[in-house]
Amino acid sequence: MNDQRIAVITDSGTDTPAAFVAEHDVRVIPLRINYSDGSSYESGVDITTEDVVRRFDEEIPSTSLPSPMKIQQTFEQAKRDGYVGAVVVTISSGLSATYETMNLVARQMEDFPVVTVDTKSIGVAAGMVVMEAVRQVEAGTPLEGLGSVLTAASERVRVFFSVQKLDFLRKGGRISEAVYRVGSLLNIKPVLTCDEREGKYVIEKKPRGWQKALNTQVELIAEQAARWNQVRVAVCTFDPSLREELAARVRERVTNAVEFITCGISADLLVHTGPTLVGMGVMGV
């Protein structure tokens, strides 16, 4: 527990690295994964990313928010564990109602102040803001100052991602039917990002072919990194060998990084993107 006794809480869609979560007692509230047979699971708790991928041939499930009761229970458990308040960092409100739901429950808590932060991002890029929250708490930033500090940190983060097949993004309504058809016909593998104002998916580049899409992501990360004196960089994929290969390429291109982060991808994110997702994030320090 940190000296201030401020809990750091997030949702599973931020893909905060598991080792960091365990080391710093970050409380992760899981999104839910739902199948047509009525079964429902908590992402990362009673269903793994590997479980979801194995079942893709049978069904692409849907996802849903954590229940308000689950969120409240997490806050109350943190209070029982000796924390006196919490900062909650969530995936983009432009992609999920998780932020609004966390906010709603937070306002109902008595004698346990909660600050909520909308990263306007997703995946490990949002996880980088979670990690910054831990650093700020452990450095002594008071609870009332964390909102503005972490919102500013969120504005220094960019995320880029692409997939080999657009089917999952189309099914989840993340891209239009027109983008899907043109992309499939012309072998376009769009590199997407989160709009900096609303945190919604937008297309950053339209490379043709998978290798060019990966090359484009590396170049975009390098371009963003050049804006800052120092940065933190993250690479995430389901495929460990590809993850290490891309991380090595990013290290060659980004010479001002003070930290490189690599991690897998949560089950709830892969539901909307498929197992070929490659995501990269960069944060100005």
C-alpha atoms as a PDB file:
ATOM      1  CA  MET A   1       0.000   0.000   0.000  1.00  0.00           C
ATOM      2  CA  ASN A   2       1.288   3.492  -0.829  1.00  0.00           C
ATOM      3  CA  ASP A   3       1.908   5.961   2.004  1.00  0.00           C
ATOM      4  CA  GLN A   4      -1.070   8.116   1.028  1.00  0.00           C
ATOM      5  CA  ARG A   5      -3.399   5.103   1.158  1.00  0.00           C
ATOM      6  CA  ILE A   6      -4.942   6.026  -2.213  1.00  0.00           C
ATOM      7  CA  ALA A   7      -6.099   3.012  -4.217  1.00  0.00           C
ATOM      8  CA  VAL A   8      -5.513   2.900  -7.977  1.00  0.00           C
ATOM      9  CA  ILE A   9      -8.405   1.222  -9.775  1.00  0.00           C
ATOM     10  CA  THR A  10      -8.916   0.523 -13.476  1.00  0.00           C
ATOM     11  CA  ASP A  11     -10.873  -1.693 -15.865  1.00  0.00           C
ATOM     12  CA  SER A  12      -9.594  -4.692 -17.809  1.00  0.00           C
ATOM     13  CA  GLY A  13      -9.718  -2.795 -21.114  1.00  0.00           C
ATOM     14  CA  THR A  14      -6.636  -0.765 -20.172  1.00  0.00           C
ATOM     15  CA  ASP A  15      -4.354  -3.801 -20.492  1.00  0.00           C
ATOM     16  CA  THR A  16      -2.154  -2.622 -17.640  1.00  0.00           C
ATOM     17  CA  PRO A  17       0.713  -5.182 -17.493  1.00  0.00           C
ATOM     18  CA  ALA A  18      -0.109  -7.955 -15.018  1.00  0.00           C
ATOM     19  CA  ALA A  19       3.229  -7.836 -13.210  1.00  0.00           C
ATOM     20  CA  PHE A  20       2.824  -4.101 -12.592  1.00  0.00           C
ATOM     21  CA  VAL A  21      -0.747  -4.624 -11.356  1.00  0.00           C
ATOM     22  CA  ALA A  22       0.404  -7.243  -8.863  1.00  0.00           C
ATOM     23  CA  GLU A  23       3.410  -5.272  -7.647  1.00  0.00           C
ATOM     24  CA  HIS A  24       1.456  -2.062  -7.001  1.00  0.00           C
ATOM     25  CA  ASP A  25      -1.898  -3.495  -5.876  1.00  0.00           C
ATOM     26  CA  VAL A  26      -3.807  -1.973  -8.794  1.00  0.00           C
ATOM     27  CA  ARG A  27      -7.446  -3.085  -8.536  1.00  0.00           C
ATOM     28  CA  VAL A  28      -8.759  -4.225 -11.952  1.00  0.00           C
ATOM     29  CA  ILE A  29     -12.521  -4.324 -12.517  1.00  0.00           C
ATOM     30  CA  PRO A  30     -13.216  -6.790 -15.351  1.00  0.00           C
ATOM     31  CA  LEU A  31     -15.488  -6.188 -18.305  1.00  0.00           C
ATOM     32  CA  ARG A  32     -17.820  -9.068 -19.090  1.00  0.00           C
ATOM     33  CA  ILE A  33     -17.758 -11.472 -22.037  1.00  0.00           C
ATOM     34  CA  ASN A  34     -21.120 -12.923 -23.041  1.00  0.00           C
ATOM     35  CA  TYR A  35     -22.056 -15.887 -25.242  1.00  0.00           C
ATOM     36  CA  SER A  36     -25.351 -16.657 -26.961  1.00  0.00           C
ATOM     37  CA  ASP A  37     -25.939 -19.703 -24.736  1.00  0.00           C
ATOM     38  CA  GLY A  38     -26.400 -17.337 -21.792  1.00  0.00           C
ATOM     39  CA  SER A  39     -22.979 -17.900 -20.252  1.00  0.00           C
ATOM     40  CA  SER A  40     -21.183 -14.781 -19.057  1.00  0.00           C
ATOM     41  CA  TYR A  41     -17.636 -14.399 -17.779  1.00  0.00           C
ATOM     42  CA  GLU A  42     -15.414 -11.783 -16.175  1.00  0.00           C
ATOM     43  CA  SER A  43     -12.515 -10.969 -18.498  1.00  0.00           C
ATOM     44  CA  GLY A  44      -9.242 -12.210 -17.061  1.00  0.00           C
ATOM     45  CA  VAL A  45     -10.955 -13.768 -14.023  1.00  0.00           C
ATOM     46  CA  ASP A  46     -12.894 -16.822 -15.150  1.00  0.00           C
ATOM     47  CA  ILE A  47     -12.074 -16.616 -18.861  1.00  0.00           C
ATOM     48  CA  THR A  48      -8.680 -15.961 -20.452  1.00  0.00           C
ATOM     49  CA  THR A  49      -7.662 -14.450 -23.750  1.00  0.00           C
ATOM     50  CA  GLU A  50      -6.644 -17.929 -24.906  1.00  0.00           C
ATOM     51  CA  ASP A  51     -10.103 -19.283 -23.996  1.00  0.00           C
ATOM     52  CA  VAL A  52     -11.821 -16.613 -26.094  1.00  0.00           C
ATOM     53  CA  VAL A  53      -9.517 -17.150 -29.079  1.00  0.00           C
ATOM     54  CA  ARG A  54     -10.106 -20.920 -28.981  1.00  0.00           C
ATOM     55  CA  ARG A  55     -13.858 -20.342 -29.191  1.00  0.00           C
ATOM     56  CA  PHE A  56     -13.738 -17.831 -32.068  1.00  0.00           C
ATOM     57  CA  ASP A  57     -14.435 -20.576 -34.618  1.00  0.00           C
ATOM     58  CA  GLU A  58     -17.675 -21.306 -32.779  1.00  0.00           C
ATOM     59  CA  GLU A  59     -18.748 -17.789 -31.889  1.00  0.00           C
ATOM     60  CA  ILE A  60     -17.588 -14.212 -31.564  1.00  0.00           C
ATOM     61  CA  PRO A  61     -19.069 -13.193 -28.205  1.00  0.00           C
ATOM     62  CA  SER A  62     -20.192  -9.756 -27.089  1.00  0.00           C
ATOM     63  CA  THR A  63     -18.916  -7.662 -24.208  1.00  0.00           C
ATOM     64  CA  SER A  64     -20.664  -5.645 -21.525  1.00  0.00           C
ATOM     65  CA  LEU A  65     -19.743  -3.250 -18.762  1.00  0.00           C
ATOM     66  CA  PRO A  66     -18.924  -4.219 -15.219  1.00  0.00           C
ATOM     67  CA  SER A  67     -22.082  -3.996 -13.148  1.00  0.00           C
ATOM     68  CA  PRO A  68     -22.500  -1.030 -10.783  1.00  0.00           C
ATOM     69  CA  MET A  69     -22.590  -3.580  -7.957  1.00  0.00           C
ATOM     70  CA  LYS A  70     -19.193  -4.984  -8.980  1.00  0.00           C
ATOM     71  CA  ILE A  71     -17.746  -1.470  -9.074  1.00  0.00           C
ATOM     72  CA  GLN A  72     -19.219  -0.623  -5.686  1.00  0.00           C
ATOM     73  CA  GLN A  73     -17.868  -3.847  -4.197  1.00  0.00           C
ATOM     74  CA  THR A  74     -14.399  -2.982  -5.491  1.00  0.00           C
ATOM     75  CA  PHE A  75     -14.537   0.472  -3.903  1.00  0.00           C
ATOM     76  CA  GLU A  76     -15.822  -0.940  -0.619  1.00  0.00           C
ATOM     77  CA  GLN A  77     -13.135  -3.645  -0.567  1.00  0.00           C
ATOM     78  CA  ALA A  78     -10.434  -1.021  -1.070  1.00  0.00           C
ATOM     79  CA  LYS A  79     -11.877   0.910   1.853  1.00  0.00           C
ATOM     80  CA  ARG A  80     -11.896  -2.218   4.044  1.00  0.00           C
ATOM     81  CA  ASP A  81      -8.287  -2.863   3.026  1.00  0.00           C
ATOM     82  CA  GLY A  82      -7.255   0.448   4.556  1.00  0.00           C
ATOM     83  CA  TYR A  83      -7.363   2.838   1.625  1.00  0.00           C
ATOM     84  CA  VAL A  84      -8.932   6.237   2.306  1.00  0.00           C
ATOM     85  CA  GLY A  85      -9.758   7.167  -1.299  1.00  0.00           C
ATOM     86  CA  ALA A  86      -9.218   6.056  -4.878  1.00  0.00           C
ATOM     87  CA  VAL A  87      -8.292   7.242  -8.332  1.00  0.00           C
ATOM     88  CA  VAL A  88     -10.035   5.380 -11.149  1.00  0.00           C
ATOM     89  CA  VAL A  89      -8.529   5.339 -14.648  1.00  0.00           C
ATOM     90  CA  THR A  90     -10.702   3.978 -17.474  1.00  0.00           C
ATOM     91  CA  ILE A  91     -10.706   3.298 -21.180  1.00  0.00           C
ATOM     92  CA  SER A  92     -12.126   5.979 -23.442  1.00  0.00           C
ATOM     93  CA  SER A  93     -15.652   7.197 -22.774  1.00  0.00           C
ATOM     94  CA  GLY A  94     -15.945   7.447 -26.555  1.00  0.00           C
ATOM     95  CA  LEU A  95     -15.716   3.654 -26.822  1.00  0.00           C
ATOM     96  CA  SER A  96     -17.378   2.440 -23.633  1.00  0.00           C
ATOM     97  CA  ALA A  97     -19.746   3.630 -20.926  1.00  0.00           C
ATOM     98  CA  THR A  98     -17.352   2.280 -18.292  1.00  0.00           C
ATOM     99  CA  TYR A  99     -16.167   5.782 -17.345  1.00  0.00           C
ATOM    100  CA  GLU A 100     -19.712   7.077 -16.852  1.00  0.00           C
ATOM    101  CA  THR A 101     -20.664   4.008 -14.803  1.00  0.00           C
ATOM    102  CA  MET A 102     -17.584   4.367 -12.587  1.00  0.00           C
ATOM    103  CA  ASN A 103     -18.428   8.036 -12.122  1.00  0.00           C
ATOM    104  CA  LEU A 104     -22.009   7.247 -11.147  1.00  0.00           C
ATOM    105  CA  VAL A 105     -20.983   4.734  -8.503  1.00  0.00           C
ATOM    106  CA  ALA A 106     -18.178   6.984  -7.240  1.00  0.00           C
ATOM    107  CA  ARG A 107     -20.625   9.806  -6.503  1.00  0.00           C
ATOM    108  CA  GLN A 108     -22.642   7.454  -4.298  1.00  0.00           C
ATOM    109  CA  MET A 109     -19.731   6.468  -2.077  1.00  0.00           C
ATOM    110  CA  GLU A 110     -19.740   7.894   1.441  1.00  0.00           C
ATOM    111  CA  ASP A 111     -16.524   8.680   3.329  1.00  0.00           C
ATOM    112  CA  PHE A 112     -14.469   7.343   0.403  1.00  0.00           C
ATOM    113  CA  PRO A 113     -13.601  10.045  -2.144  1.00  0.00           C
ATOM    114  CA  VAL A 114     -13.010   8.832  -5.701  1.00  0.00           C
ATOM    115  CA  VAL A 115     -11.407  10.713  -8.598  1.00  0.00           C
ATOM    116  CA  THR A 116     -12.206   9.347 -12.083  1.00  0.00           C
ATOM    117  CA  VAL A 117     -10.048   9.858 -15.176  1.00  0.00           C
ATOM    118  CA  ASP A 118     -11.093   9.276 -18.801  1.00  0.00           C
ATOM    119  CA  THR A 119      -7.945   8.370 -20.774  1.00  0.00           C
ATOM    120  CA  LYS A 120      -9.633   8.912 -24.178  1.00  0.00           C
ATOM    121  CA  SER A 121      -7.603   5.855 -25.175  1.00  0.00           C
ATOM    122  CA  ILE A 122      -7.681   2.081 -24.943  1.00  0.00           C
ATOM    123  CA  GLY A 123      -5.498  -0.959 -24.393  1.00  0.00           C
ATOM    124  CA  VAL A 124      -1.950  -0.573 -23.178  1.00  0.00           C
ATOM    125  CA  ALA A 125      -1.949   3.153 -24.083  1.00  0.00           C
ATOM    126  CA  ALA A 126      -4.647   3.630 -21.439  1.00  0.00           C
ATOM    127  CA  GLY A 127      -2.625   1.300 -19.223  1.00  0.00           C
ATOM    128  CA  MET A 128       0.274   3.727 -19.436  1.00  0.00           C
ATOM    129  CA  VAL A 129      -1.960   6.314 -17.740  1.00  0.00           C
ATOM    130  CA  VAL A 130      -2.755   3.755 -15.027  1.00  0.00           C
ATOM    131  CA  MET A 131       0.970   3.293 -14.487  1.00  0.00           C
ATOM    132  CA  GLU A 132       1.408   7.061 -14.307  1.00  0.00           C
ATOM    133  CA  ALA A 133      -1.365   7.173 -11.686  1.00  0.00           C
ATOM    134  CA  VAL A 134       0.644   4.773  -9.529  1.00  0.00           C
ATOM    135  CA  ARG A 135       3.791   6.851  -9.971  1.00  0.00           C
ATOM    136  CA  GLN A 136       1.949  10.039  -9.027  1.00  0.00           C
ATOM    137  CA  VAL A 137       0.339   8.499  -5.948  1.00  0.00           C
ATOM    138  CA  GLU A 138       3.618   7.023  -4.771  1.00  0.00           C
ATOM    139  CA  ALA A 139       5.345  10.381  -5.367  1.00  0.00           C
ATOM    140  CA  GLY A 140       2.861  12.077  -3.048  1.00  0.00           C
ATOM    141  CA  THR A 141       0.480  13.848  -5.438  1.00  0.00           C
ATOM    142  CA  PRO A 142      -2.686  14.421  -3.342  1.00  0.00           C
ATOM    143  CA  LEU A 143      -5.994  12.901  -4.394  1.00  0.00           C
ATOM    144  CA  GLU A 144      -7.494  16.286  -5.268  1.00  0.00           C
ATOM    145  CA  GLY A 145      -4.635  16.935  -7.694  1.00  0.00           C
ATOM    146  CA  LEU A 146      -4.654  13.595  -9.483  1.00  0.00           C
ATOM    147  CA  GLY A 147      -7.524  14.388 -11.852  1.00  0.00           C
ATOM    148  CA  SER A 148      -5.785  17.285 -13.586  1.00  0.00           C
ATOM    149  CA  VAL A 149      -2.355  15.625 -13.556  1.00  0.00           C
ATOM    150  CA  LEU A 150      -3.638  12.387 -15.115  1.00  0.00           C
ATOM    151  CA  THR A 151      -5.853  14.171 -17.631  1.00  0.00           C
ATOM    152  CA  ALA A 152      -2.732  16.006 -18.773  1.00  0.00           C
ATOM    153  CA  ALA A 153      -0.893  12.667 -18.956  1.00  0.00           C
ATOM    154  CA  SER A 154      -3.716  11.243 -21.088  1.00  0.00           C
ATOM    155  CA  GLU A 155      -3.244  14.118 -23.528  1.00  0.00           C
ATOM    156  CA  ARG A 156       0.402  13.082 -23.956  1.00  0.00           C
ATOM    157  CA  VAL A 157      -0.548   9.540 -25.020  1.00  0.00           C
ATOM    158  CA  ARG A 158      -1.162   8.267 -28.541  1.00  0.00           C
ATOM    159  CA  VAL A 159      -2.251   4.780 -29.526  1.00  0.00           C
ATOM    160  CA  PHE A 160      -2.038   3.092 -32.931  1.00  0.00           C
ATOM    161  CA  PHE A 161      -3.302  -0.342 -33.865  1.00  0.00           C
ATOM    162  CA  SER A 162      -4.126  -2.529 -36.833  1.00  0.00           C
ATOM    163  CA  VAL A 163      -5.491  -5.997 -37.595  1.00  0.00           C
ATOM    164  CA  GLN A 164      -4.997  -8.456 -40.426  1.00  0.00           C
ATOM    165  CA  LYS A 165      -8.727  -9.112 -40.834  1.00  0.00           C
ATOM    166  CA  LEU A 166     -11.374  -6.406 -40.520  1.00  0.00           C
ATOM    167  CA  ASP A 167     -14.254  -8.798 -39.751  1.00  0.00           C
ATOM    168  CA  PHE A 168     -14.163  -8.312 -35.993  1.00  0.00           C
ATOM    169  CA  LEU A 169     -14.079  -4.514 -36.216  1.00  0.00           C
ATOM    170  CA  ARG A 170     -17.024  -4.593 -38.614  1.00  0.00           C
ATOM    171  CA  LYS A 171     -19.074  -6.950 -36.428  1.00  0.00           C
ATOM    172  CA  GLY A 172     -18.550  -4.727 -33.403  1.00  0.00           C
ATOM    173  CA  GLY A 173     -19.523  -1.605 -35.323  1.00  0.00           C
ATOM    174  CA  ARG A 174     -16.026  -0.140 -34.943  1.00  0.00           C
ATOM    175  CA  ILE A 175     -15.683   0.441 -38.700  1.00  0.00           C
ATOM    176  CA  SER A 176     -18.346   1.074 -41.331  1.00  0.00           C
ATOM    177  CA  GLU A 177     -19.497  -1.423 -43.931  1.00  0.00           C
ATOM    178  CA  ALA A 178     -17.971   0.801 -46.618  1.00  0.00           C
ATOM    179  CA  VAL A 179     -14.548   0.806 -44.954  1.00  0.00           C
ATOM    180  CA  TYR A 180     -14.777  -2.964 -44.533  1.00  0.00           C
ATOM    181  CA  ARG A 181     -15.651  -3.607 -48.185  1.00  0.00           C
ATOM    182  CA  VAL A 182     -13.050  -1.249 -49.658  1.00  0.00           C
ATOM    183  CA  GLY A 183     -10.401  -2.443 -47.241  1.00  0.00           C
ATOM    184  CA  SER A 184     -11.048  -6.085 -48.005  1.00  0.00           C
ATOM    185  CA  LEU A 185     -11.130  -5.512 -51.772  1.00  0.00           C
ATOM    186  CA  LEU A 186      -7.920  -3.474 -51.940  1.00  0.00           C
ATOM    187  CA  ASN A 187      -6.008  -5.290 -49.154  1.00  0.00           C
ATOM    188  CA  ILE A 188      -5.978  -2.103 -47.084  1.00  0.00           C
ATOM    189  CA  LYS A 189      -5.005  -2.694 -43.460  1.00  0.00           C
ATOM    190  CA  PRO A 190      -5.925   0.610 -41.822  1.00  0.00           C
ATOM    191  CA  VAL A 191      -3.933   1.880 -38.878  1.00  0.00           C
ATOM    192  CA  LEU A 192      -6.431   3.215 -36.375  1.00  0.00           C
ATOM    193  CA  THR A 193      -6.035   5.551 -33.445  1.00  0.00           C
ATOM    194  CA  CYS A 194      -8.256   7.230 -30.872  1.00  0.00           C
ATOM    195  CA  ASP A 195      -9.436  10.718 -31.695  1.00  0.00           C
ATOM    196  CA  GLU A 196      -7.780  13.085 -29.206  1.00  0.00           C
ATOM    197  CA  ARG A 197     -10.968  15.064 -28.527  1.00  0.00           C
ATOM    198  CA  GLU A 198     -13.613  12.345 -28.121  1.00  0.00           C
ATOM    199  CA  GLY A 199     -11.537   9.184 -27.845  1.00  0.00           C
ATOM    200  CA  LYS A 200     -13.331   7.424 -30.697  1.00  0.00           C
ATOM    201  CA  TYR A 201     -11.717   5.222 -33.328  1.00  0.00           C
ATOM    202  CA  VAL A 202     -10.509   7.050 -36.431  1.00  0.00           C
ATOM    203  CA  ILE A 203      -8.314   5.922 -39.308  1.00  0.00           C
ATOM    204  CA  GLU A 204      -4.820   7.430 -39.172  1.00  0.00           C
ATOM    205  CA  LYS A 205      -3.295   5.787 -42.262  1.00  0.00           C
ATOM    206  CA  LYS A 206      -4.422   3.358 -44.983  1.00  0.00           C
ATOM    207  CA  PRO A 207      -1.446   1.169 -45.908  1.00  0.00           C
ATOM    208  CA  ARG A 208      -1.907  -1.761 -48.273  1.00  0.00           C
ATOM    209  CA  GLY A 209      -0.721  -5.085 -46.920  1.00  0.00           C
ATOM    210  CA  TRP A 210      -0.008  -6.339 -43.432  1.00  0.00           C
ATOM    211  CA  GLN A 211       3.740  -5.748 -43.336  1.00  0.00           C
ATOM    212  CA  LYS A 212       3.271  -2.197 -44.518  1.00  0.00           C
ATOM    213  CA  ALA A 213       0.680  -1.676 -41.779  1.00  0.00           C
ATOM    214  CA  LEU A 214       3.186  -2.825 -39.153  1.00  0.00           C
ATOM    215  CA  ASN A 215       5.900  -0.629 -40.668  1.00  0.00           C
ATOM    216  CA  THR A 216       3.495   2.308 -40.598  1.00  0.00           C
ATOM    217  CA  GLN A 217       2.754   1.782 -36.904  1.00  0.00           C
ATOM    218  CA  VAL A 218       6.458   1.789 -36.056  1.00  0.00           C
ATOM    219  CA  GLU A 219       6.961   5.000 -38.039  1.00  0.00           C
ATOM    220  CA  LEU A 220       3.983   6.688 -36.380  1.00  0.00           C
ATOM    221  CA  ILE A 221       5.325   5.805 -32.938  1.00  0.00           C
ATOM    222  CA  ALA A 222       8.736   7.171 -33.897  1.00  0.00           C
ATOM    223  CA  GLU A 223       7.164  10.396 -35.200  1.00  0.00           C
ATOM    224  CA  GLN A 224       5.200  10.894 -32.005  1.00  0.00           C
ATOM    225  CA  ALA A 225       8.217  10.069 -29.837  1.00  0.00           C
ATOM    226  CA  ALA A 226      10.213  12.791 -31.587  1.00  0.00           C
ATOM    227  CA  ARG A 227       7.824  15.395 -30.160  1.00  0.00           C
ATOM    228  CA  TRP A 228       9.148  14.820 -26.646  1.00  0.00           C
ATOM    229  CA  ASN A 229      12.519  14.838 -24.924  1.00  0.00           C
ATOM    230  CA  GLN A 230      11.695  11.506 -23.288  1.00  0.00           C
ATOM    231  CA  VAL A 231       8.926   8.967 -23.786  1.00  0.00           C
ATOM    232  CA  ARG A 232       7.543   5.691 -22.618  1.00  0.00           C
ATOM    233  CA  VAL A 233       6.662   3.207 -25.367  1.00  0.00           C
ATOM    234  CA  ALA A 234       4.458   0.108 -25.366  1.00  0.00           C
ATOM    235  CA  VAL A 235       3.874  -2.788 -27.772  1.00  0.00           C
ATOM    236  CA  CYS A 236       1.114  -5.351 -27.303  1.00  0.00           C
ATOM    237  CA  THR A 237       0.007  -8.372 -29.310  1.00  0.00           C
ATOM    238  CA  PHE A 238      -1.509 -11.786 -28.674  1.00  0.00           C
ATOM    239  CA  ASP A 239       1.502 -13.397 -30.411  1.00  0.00           C
ATOM    240  CA  PRO A 240       4.582 -13.287 -28.091  1.00  0.00           C
ATOM    241  CA  SER A 241       7.142 -13.775 -30.885  1.00  0.00           C
ATOM    242  CA  LEU A 242       5.679 -10.964 -32.982  1.00  0.00           C
ATOM    243  CA  ARG A 243       5.537  -8.794 -29.860  1.00  0.00           C
ATOM    244  CA  GLU A 244       9.262  -9.163 -29.252  1.00  0.00           C
ATOM    245  CA  GLU A 245      10.096  -8.639 -32.928  1.00  0.00           C
ATOM    246  CA  LEU A 246       8.123  -5.393 -33.069  1.00  0.00           C
ATOM    247  CA  ALA A 247       9.484  -4.213 -29.727  1.00  0.00           C
ATOM    248  CA  ALA A 248      13.014  -4.629 -31.095  1.00  0.00           C
ATOM    249  CA  ARG A 249      12.105  -2.598 -34.167  1.00  0.00           C
ATOM    250  CA  VAL A 250      10.602   0.166 -32.048  1.00  0.00           C
ATOM    251  CA  ARG A 251      13.709   0.250 -29.837  1.00  0.00           C
ATOM    252  CA  GLU A 252      15.836   0.841 -32.927  1.00  0.00           C
ATOM    253  CA  ARG A 253      13.656   3.765 -34.051  1.00  0.00           C
ATOM    254  CA  VAL A 254      12.935   5.393 -30.689  1.00  0.00           C
ATOM    255  CA  THR A 255      16.139   6.459 -28.972  1.00  0.00           C
ATOM    256  CA  ASN A 256      14.642   8.711 -26.296  1.00  0.00           C
ATOM    257  CA  ALA A 257      12.564   6.083 -24.488  1.00  0.00           C
ATOM    258  CA  VAL A 258      12.999   5.756 -20.727  1.00  0.00           C
ATOM    259  CA  GLU A 259      10.781   2.673 -20.613  1.00  0.00           C
ATOM    260  CA  PHE A 260       9.640  -0.047 -23.016  1.00  0.00           C
ATOM    261  CA  ILE A 261       6.506  -1.962 -22.098  1.00  0.00           C
ATOM    262  CA  THR A 262       5.373  -5.211 -23.719  1.00  0.00           C
ATOM    263  CA  CYS A 263       2.214  -7.116 -22.856  1.00  0.00           C
ATOM    264  CA  GLY A 264      -0.551  -9.315 -24.155  1.00  0.00           C
ATOM    265  CA  ILE A 265      -4.105  -8.244 -24.856  1.00  0.00           C
ATOM    266  CA  SER A 266      -7.158  -8.688 -22.668  1.00  0.00           C
ATOM    267  CA  ALA A 267      -9.931 -10.988 -23.789  1.00  0.00           C
ATOM    268  CA  ASP A 268     -12.492  -8.178 -23.901  1.00  0.00           C
ATOM    269  CA  LEU A 269     -10.412  -6.189 -26.402  1.00  0.00           C
ATOM    270  CA  LEU A 270      -9.767  -9.164 -28.687  1.00  0.00           C
ATOM    271  CA  VAL A 271     -13.525  -9.753 -28.942  1.00  0.00           C
ATOM    272  CA  HIS A 272     -13.741  -6.514 -30.947  1.00  0.00           C
ATOM    273  CA  THR A 273     -10.503  -6.835 -32.922  1.00  0.00           C
ATOM    274  CA  GLY A 274      -9.628 -10.507 -33.314  1.00  0.00           C
ATOM    275  CA  PRO A 275      -6.394 -12.302 -32.397  1.00  0.00           C
ATOM    276  CA  THR A 276      -4.232 -10.520 -34.995  1.00  0.00           C
ATOM    277  CA  LEU A 277      -4.412  -7.154 -33.213  1.00  0.00           C
ATOM    278  CA  VAL A 278      -1.132  -5.262 -32.897  1.00  0.00           C
ATOM    279  CA  GLY A 279      -1.229  -2.169 -30.735  1.00  0.00           C
ATOM    280  CA  MET A 280       1.427   0.386 -29.879  1.00  0.00           C
ATOM    281  CA  GLY A 281       1.382   3.336 -27.506  1.00  0.00           C
ATOM    282  CA  VAL A 282       3.659   6.251 -26.755  1.00  0.00           C
ATOM    283  CA  MET A 283       3.565   8.705 -23.872  1.00  0.00           C
ATOM    284  CA  GLY A 284       5.540  11.904 -23.549  1.00  0.00           C
ATOM    285  CA  VAL A 285       7.227  12.117 -20.168  1.00  0.00           C
END
